[in-house]
C-alpha atoms as a PDB file:
ATOM      1  CA  MET A   1     176.595 104.448 -31.729  1.00  0.00           C
ATOM      2  CA  ALA A   2     177.757 102.450 -34.496  1.00  0.00           C
ATOM      3  CA  ASN A   3     175.264 101.413 -37.439  1.00  0.00           C
ATOM      4  CA  ARG A   4     175.030  97.567 -37.747  1.00  0.00           C
ATOM      5  CA  THR A   5     173.702  94.917 -39.636  1.00  0.00           C
ATOM      6  CA  TYR A   6     173.044  91.300 -38.063  1.00  0.00           C
ATOM      7  CA  ILE A   7     172.741  87.566 -39.436  1.00  0.00           C
ATOM      8  CA  VAL A   8     169.460  86.518 -37.615  1.00  0.00           C
ATOM      9  CA  LEU A   9     168.015  83.159 -37.490  1.00  0.00           C
ATOM     10  CA  THR A  10     164.481  82.455 -36.722  1.00  0.00           C
ATOM     11  CA  ASP A  11     161.802  80.125 -36.484  1.00  0.00           C
ATOM     12  CA  THR A  12     159.371  82.366 -37.858  1.00  0.00           C
ATOM     13  CA  CYS A  13     159.043  83.023 -41.895  1.00  0.00           C
ATOM     14  CA  THR A  14     159.596  86.764 -41.496  1.00  0.00           C
ATOM     15  CA  ILE A  15     162.575  89.299 -41.976  1.00  0.00           C
ATOM     16  CA  TYR A  16     163.190  91.499 -38.778  1.00  0.00           C
ATOM     17  CA  PRO A  17     162.418  88.631 -36.188  1.00  0.00           C
ATOM     18  CA  SER A  18     163.779  90.655 -33.156  1.00  0.00           C
ATOM     19  CA  ALA A  19     161.090  93.452 -33.976  1.00  0.00           C
ATOM     20  CA  ILE A  20     158.122  91.228 -33.633  1.00  0.00           C
ATOM     21  CA  GLU A  21     159.198  88.099 -31.886  1.00  0.00           C
ATOM     22  CA  PRO A  22     158.199  88.898 -28.323  1.00  0.00           C
ATOM     23  CA  ASP A  23     160.404  85.848 -26.808  1.00  0.00           C
ATOM     24  CA  PHE A  24     163.360  86.729 -29.319  1.00  0.00           C
ATOM     25  CA  LEU A  25     166.769  86.171 -27.638  1.00  0.00           C
ATOM     26  CA  PRO A  26     169.358  87.945 -29.480  1.00  0.00           C
ATOM     27  CA  GLU A  27     172.551  86.017 -27.603  1.00  0.00           C
ATOM     28  CA  LYS A  28     171.357  83.043 -28.894  1.00  0.00           C
ATOM     29  CA  GLN A  29     169.549  84.252 -32.738  1.00  0.00           C
ATOM     30  CA  THR A  30     171.867  86.761 -33.845  1.00  0.00           C
ATOM     31  CA  ALA A  31     175.311  84.596 -35.691  1.00  0.00           C
ATOM     32  CA  ALA A  32     177.504  87.596 -36.331  1.00  0.00           C
ATOM     33  CA  GLN A  33     177.099  91.452 -36.837  1.00  0.00           C
ATOM     34  CA  GLY A  34     178.703  94.199 -39.318  1.00  0.00           C
ATOM     35  CA  ILE A  35     179.672  97.555 -38.125  1.00  0.00           C
ATOM     36  CA  TYR A  36     178.743 100.189 -40.630  1.00  0.00           C
ATOM     37  CA  CYS A  37     178.559  97.642 -43.414  1.00  0.00           C
ATOM     38  CA  LEU A  38     176.831  94.694 -44.973  1.00  0.00           C
ATOM     39  CA  PRO A  39     179.916  92.348 -44.931  1.00  0.00           C
ATOM     40  CA  LEU A  40     180.131  90.714 -48.368  1.00  0.00           C
ATOM     41  CA  LEU A  41     180.144  87.014 -48.002  1.00  0.00           C
ATOM     42  CA  TRP A  42     176.604  87.365 -45.922  1.00  0.00           C
ATOM     43  CA  VAL A  43     175.232  88.351 -49.326  1.00  0.00           C
ATOM     44  CA  ALA A  44     176.292  85.106 -50.966  1.00  0.00           C
ATOM     45  CA  MET A  45     174.201  83.131 -49.095  1.00  0.00           C
ATOM     46  CA  PHE A  46     170.642  84.900 -50.961  1.00  0.00           C
ATOM     47  CA  ARG A  47     169.400  85.179 -54.503  1.00  0.00           C
ATOM     48  CA  ILE A  48     167.558  88.086 -55.710  1.00  0.00           C
ATOM     49  CA  ASP A  49     164.208  86.161 -55.189  1.00  0.00           C
ATOM     50  CA  ASP A  50     165.131  86.072 -51.461  1.00  0.00           C
ATOM     51  CA  LEU A  51     164.422  89.842 -50.875  1.00  0.00           C
ATOM     52  CA  LYS A  52     161.403  90.697 -49.052  1.00  0.00           C
ATOM     53  CA  ALA A  53     159.283  93.505 -48.376  1.00  0.00           C
ATOM     54  CA  GLN A  54     157.247  93.596 -45.161  1.00  0.00           C
ATOM     55  CA  GLN A  55     155.470  96.348 -43.305  1.00  0.00           C
ATOM     56  CA  PHE A  56     155.703  96.267 -39.323  1.00  0.00           C
ATOM     57  CA  GLU A  57     153.914  98.619 -36.831  1.00  0.00           C
ATOM     58  CA  MET A  58     156.628 100.339 -34.787  1.00  0.00           C
ATOM     59  CA  GLU A  59     155.936 103.165 -32.578  1.00  0.00           C
ATOM     60  CA  GLY A  60     152.207 103.462 -33.986  1.00  0.00           C
ATOM     61  CA  GLU A  61     153.638 103.858 -37.569  1.00  0.00           C
ATOM     62  CA  ARG A  62     153.673 101.642 -40.331  1.00  0.00           C
ATOM     63  CA  VAL A  63     157.014 100.983 -41.789  1.00  0.00           C
ATOM     64  CA  ASP A  64     157.870  99.421 -44.743  1.00  0.00           C
ATOM     65  CA  LEU A  65     161.176  97.249 -44.885  1.00  0.00           C
ATOM     66  CA  LYS A  66     163.084  94.976 -46.902  1.00  0.00           C
ATOM     67  CA  ALA A  67     165.702  92.255 -46.235  1.00  0.00           C
ATOM     68  CA  PRO A  68     166.675  88.938 -47.550  1.00  0.00           C
ATOM     69  CA  LEU A  69     164.988  85.819 -46.017  1.00  0.00           C
ATOM     70  CA  ALA A  70     165.675  81.858 -46.865  1.00  0.00           C
ATOM     71  CA  ARG A  71     164.994  78.861 -45.285  1.00  0.00           C
ATOM     72  CA  THR A  72     168.619  78.216 -43.341  1.00  0.00           C
ATOM     73  CA  GLN A  73     169.447  74.930 -45.432  1.00  0.00           C
ATOM     74  CA  LYS A  74     169.064  76.698 -48.605  1.00  0.00           C
ATOM     75  CA  ALA A  75     170.854  79.879 -47.493  1.00  0.00           C
ATOM     76  CA  LEU A  76     173.569  77.538 -46.857  1.00  0.00           C
ATOM     77  CA  ALA A  77     173.610  75.584 -50.276  1.00  0.00           C
ATOM     78  CA  GLN A  78     173.523  78.895 -51.835  1.00  0.00           C
ATOM     79  CA  LEU A  79     176.689  80.074 -50.262  1.00  0.00           C
ATOM     80  CA  GLU A  80     178.377  76.863 -51.255  1.00  0.00           C
ATOM     81  CA  ALA A  81     176.825  77.003 -54.928  1.00  0.00           C
ATOM     82  CA  ALA A  82     178.553  80.852 -54.921  1.00  0.00           C
ATOM     83  CA  GLN A  83     181.947  79.902 -54.199  1.00  0.00           C
ATOM     84  CA  GLU A  84     182.606  79.505 -58.283  1.00  0.00           C
ATOM     85  CA  ILE A  85     181.315  82.898 -58.874  1.00  0.00           C
ATOM     86  CA  LEU A  86     183.119  84.554 -55.848  1.00  0.00           C
ATOM     87  CA  GLN A  87     186.495  83.188 -56.899  1.00  0.00           C
ATOM     88  CA  THR A  88     186.044  84.335 -60.538  1.00  0.00           C
ATOM     89  CA  MET A  89     184.813  88.005 -59.062  1.00  0.00           C
ATOM     90  CA  PHE A  90     187.910  88.176 -56.498  1.00  0.00           C
ATOM     91  CA  ALA A  91     190.480  85.969 -58.466  1.00  0.00           C
ATOM     92  CA  ASP A  92     192.897  88.529 -57.543  1.00  0.00           C
ATOM     93  CA  GLN A  93     192.577  87.500 -53.762  1.00  0.00           C
ATOM     94  CA  THR A  94     193.284  85.010 -51.348  1.00  0.00           C
ATOM     95  CA  SER A  95     190.794  82.150 -52.094  1.00  0.00           C
ATOM     96  CA  VAL A  96     187.375  82.709 -50.313  1.00  0.00           C
ATOM     97  CA  MET A  97     186.736  79.133 -49.729  1.00  0.00           C
ATOM     98  CA  ASP A  98     187.727  79.476 -46.148  1.00  0.00           C
ATOM     99  CA  TYR A  99     185.902  82.397 -45.449  1.00  0.00           C
ATOM    100  CA  CYS A 100     183.033  80.656 -46.859  1.00  0.00           C
ATOM    101  CA  ALA A 101     183.616  77.354 -44.328  1.00  0.00           C
ATOM    102  CA  LEU A 102     183.827  80.087 -41.361  1.00  0.00           C
ATOM    103  CA  LEU A 103     180.543  81.687 -42.011  1.00  0.00           C
ATOM    104  CA  ARG A 104     178.987  78.421 -42.438  1.00  0.00           C
ATOM    105  CA  GLU A 105     180.344  77.278 -39.164  1.00  0.00           C
ATOM    106  CA  ALA A 106     178.708  80.606 -37.564  1.00  0.00           C
ATOM    107  CA  VAL A 107     175.260  79.846 -39.254  1.00  0.00           C
ATOM    108  CA  THR A 108     175.320  76.282 -38.307  1.00  0.00           C
ATOM    109  CA  GLY A 109     176.165  76.764 -34.666  1.00  0.00           C
ATOM    110  CA  VAL A 110     172.474  78.568 -34.311  1.00  0.00           C
ATOM    111  CA  GLN A 111     169.440  75.623 -35.098  1.00  0.00           C
ATOM    112  CA  ARG A 112     166.743  77.549 -36.787  1.00  0.00           C
ATOM    113  CA  GLU A 113     164.908  76.925 -39.769  1.00  0.00           C
ATOM    114  CA  TRP A 114     165.177  80.544 -41.622  1.00  0.00           C
ATOM    115  CA  ILE A 115     167.891  83.527 -41.838  1.00  0.00           C
ATOM    116  CA  THR A 116     167.901  86.656 -42.750  1.00  0.00           C
ATOM    117  CA  ILE A 117     170.002  90.024 -42.748  1.00  0.00           C
ATOM    118  CA  GLU A 118     168.587  92.620 -40.625  1.00  0.00           C
ATOM    119  CA  LEU A 119     170.037  95.670 -42.417  1.00  0.00           C
ATOM    120  CA  ASP A 120     168.103  99.116 -41.944  1.00  0.00           C
ATOM    121  CA  GLU A 121     170.339 100.471 -39.535  1.00  0.00           C
ATOM    122  CA  VAL A 122     173.234 100.416 -42.277  1.00  0.00           C
ATOM    123  CA  ALA A 123     171.062 101.029 -45.344  1.00  0.00           C
ATOM    124  CA  SER A 124     169.724 104.275 -43.715  1.00  0.00           C
ATOM    125  CA  MET A 125     173.094 105.442 -43.473  1.00  0.00           C
ATOM    126  CA  GLY A 126     173.096 106.917 -46.746  1.00  0.00           C
ATOM    127  CA  ASP A 127     170.239 106.764 -49.409  1.00  0.00           C
ATOM    128  CA  PRO A 128     168.252 103.647 -49.088  1.00  0.00           C
ATOM    129  CA  ASP A 129     167.410 103.288 -52.753  1.00  0.00           C
ATOM    130  CA  THR A 130     171.078 103.332 -53.835  1.00  0.00           C
ATOM    131  CA  PHE A 131     171.836 100.990 -50.859  1.00  0.00           C
ATOM    132  CA  PHE A 132     169.575  98.284 -52.184  1.00  0.00           C
ATOM    133  CA  ALA A 133     170.297  98.702 -56.079  1.00  0.00           C
ATOM    134  CA  TYR A 134     173.272  97.561 -54.877  1.00  0.00           C
ATOM    135  CA  LEU A 135     172.316  94.789 -53.120  1.00  0.00           C
ATOM    136  CA  GLU A 136     169.994  94.016 -55.832  1.00  0.00           C
ATOM    137  CA  LEU A 137     172.955  93.872 -58.405  1.00  0.00           C
ATOM    138  CA  ALA A 138     175.324  91.857 -56.073  1.00  0.00           C
ATOM    139  CA  LEU A 139     172.145  89.224 -55.845  1.00  0.00           C
ATOM    140  CA  ARG A 140     171.625  89.135 -59.485  1.00  0.00           C
ATOM    141  CA  ALA A 141     175.497  88.430 -59.797  1.00  0.00           C
ATOM    142  CA  LEU A 142     175.822  85.434 -57.327  1.00  0.00           C
ATOM    143  CA  GLY A 143     172.560  84.237 -59.710  1.00  0.00           C
ATOM    144  CA  GLY A 144     174.449  84.441 -62.907  1.00  0.00           C
ATOM    145  CA  GLU A 145     172.009  87.422 -64.224  1.00  0.00           C
ATOM    146  CA  VAL A 146     174.331  90.424 -64.710  1.00  0.00           C
ATOM    147  CA  PRO A 147     177.971  90.479 -65.079  1.00  0.00           C
ATOM    148  CA  HIS A 148     180.726  89.380 -62.721  1.00  0.00           C
ATOM    149  CA  GLY A 149     182.475  92.909 -62.695  1.00  0.00           C
ATOM    150  CA  VAL A 150     179.204  94.431 -61.526  1.00  0.00           C
ATOM    151  CA  GLY A 151     178.603  91.910 -58.867  1.00  0.00           C
ATOM    152  CA  ARG A 152     182.004  92.658 -57.275  1.00  0.00           C
ATOM    153  CA  THR A 153     181.502  96.145 -57.417  1.00  0.00           C
ATOM    154  CA  ALA A 154     178.191  96.317 -55.512  1.00  0.00           C
ATOM    155  CA  LEU A 155     179.503  93.780 -53.170  1.00  0.00           C
ATOM    156  CA  LEU A 156     182.505  96.242 -52.432  1.00  0.00           C
ATOM    157  CA  ARG A 157     180.305  99.159 -52.257  1.00  0.00           C
ATOM    158  CA  LEU A 158     178.325  97.244 -49.678  1.00  0.00           C
ATOM    159  CA  ALA A 159     180.795  95.946 -47.619  1.00  0.00           C
ATOM    160  CA  GLU A 160     182.701  99.448 -47.583  1.00  0.00           C
ATOM    161  CA  LEU A 161     186.016  98.004 -49.002  1.00  0.00           C
ATOM    162  CA  GLU A 162     187.874  99.490 -51.712  1.00  0.00           C
ATOM    163  CA  PRO A 163     188.957  97.707 -54.837  1.00  0.00           C
ATOM    164  CA  ALA A 164     192.349  97.460 -53.839  1.00  0.00           C
ATOM    165  CA  THR A 165     191.997  96.218 -50.257  1.00  0.00           C
ATOM    166  CA  ARG A 166     193.919  92.834 -49.953  1.00  0.00           C
ATOM    167  CA  PHE A 167     192.085  89.844 -48.344  1.00  0.00           C
ATOM    168  CA  PRO A 168     194.155  88.360 -45.625  1.00  0.00           C
ATOM    169  CA  GLU A 169     194.919  85.013 -45.262  1.00  0.00           C
ATOM    170  CA  ILE A 170     192.168  83.977 -42.768  1.00  0.00           C
ATOM    171  CA  GLN A 171     193.555  80.513 -41.863  1.00  0.00           C
ATOM    172  CA  LEU A 172     196.998  82.032 -41.206  1.00  0.00           C
ATOM    173  CA  LEU A 173     195.564  84.900 -39.329  1.00  0.00           C
ATOM    174  CA  MET A 174     193.900  82.402 -36.994  1.00  0.00           C
ATOM    175  CA  GLU A 175     196.677  80.095 -36.353  1.00  0.00           C
ATOM    176  CA  GLN A 176     199.195  82.940 -35.553  1.00  0.00           C
ATOM    177  CA  SER A 177     196.205  84.683 -33.418  1.00  0.00           C
ATOM    178  CA  ARG A 178     197.328  87.723 -33.596  1.00  0.00           C
ATOM    179  CA  ALA A 179     196.244  90.467 -37.013  1.00  0.00           C
ATOM    180  CA  THR A 180     197.304  93.914 -37.513  1.00  0.00           C
ATOM    181  CA  ASN A 181     193.896  96.719 -37.223  1.00  0.00           C
ATOM    182  CA  GLU A 182     193.967  96.882 -40.956  1.00  0.00           C
ATOM    183  CA  GLU A 183     193.528  93.081 -41.125  1.00  0.00           C
ATOM    184  CA  SER A 184     191.145  92.377 -38.595  1.00  0.00           C
ATOM    185  CA  LEU A 185     188.843  95.565 -40.057  1.00  0.00           C
ATOM    186  CA  THR A 186     189.051  93.636 -43.276  1.00  0.00           C
ATOM    187  CA  VAL A 187     188.008  90.320 -42.060  1.00  0.00           C
ATOM    188  CA  SER A 188     185.199  92.083 -40.465  1.00  0.00           C
ATOM    189  CA  GLN A 189     183.967  93.615 -43.861  1.00  0.00           C
ATOM    190  CA  ILE A 190     184.070  90.432 -45.388  1.00  0.00           C
ATOM    191  CA  LEU A 191     182.685  87.871 -42.749  1.00  0.00           C
ATOM    192  CA  GLY A 192     181.328  90.101 -39.793  1.00  0.00           C
ATOM    193  CA  CYS A 193     182.476  89.896 -36.222  1.00  0.00           C
ATOM    194  CA  SER A 194     180.526  88.804 -32.894  1.00  0.00           C
ATOM    195  CA  TRP A 195     178.148  89.931 -30.885  1.00  0.00           C
ATOM    196  CA  LEU A 196     176.769  88.452 -27.844  1.00  0.00           C
ATOM    197  CA  ARG A 197     178.143  84.913 -28.877  1.00  0.00           C
ATOM    198  CA  PRO A 198     181.462  83.965 -30.355  1.00  0.00           C
ATOM    199  CA  VAL A 199     182.311  83.537 -34.178  1.00  0.00           C
ATOM    200  CA  PRO A 200     185.142  80.821 -35.203  1.00  0.00           C
ATOM    201  CA  TRP A 201     187.300  83.619 -36.892  1.00  0.00           C
ATOM    202  CA  GLU A 202     187.916  85.610 -33.499  1.00  0.00           C
END
């Protein structure tokens, strides 16, 4: 089974709502999934102050987990504010604005007050400390606290993207309704892909 990340929306102020909400509905509350990665643009919805730690009881054991959490409207505003920094980080790529618009559309389709990323499956594929170190660097770069180059490297590592990978022209792919396997993989590493509900870019 693949290790996955999920954009999850909820009306409860909590990370990992799927683990604690008795009436959690994944088909209605999950906007997209990432497979073996943390898709690049998901991180742009958050800043370092949004990274939260919380303790859960799972199978009789206390487990400490971390994940980003913000009010949905705040996250969408942060995504918009990040576009200038992202354009600087990825100046050699096609415009990220079209990608951001599609992510915004996917998130707004799930009308809940809070948004988080459930990422423990991917964080635990390797060393979780290294994963969260990259996540913290990416969040700080998006907030203007560390150099753009450092943020670019961290975002690419989290998304499992090679530095030389070209971002496909997403609008052209959607208009043509066809993409190579490599293009589809790259788009999923930038935006994620569908799970139980459709996403605008597929």
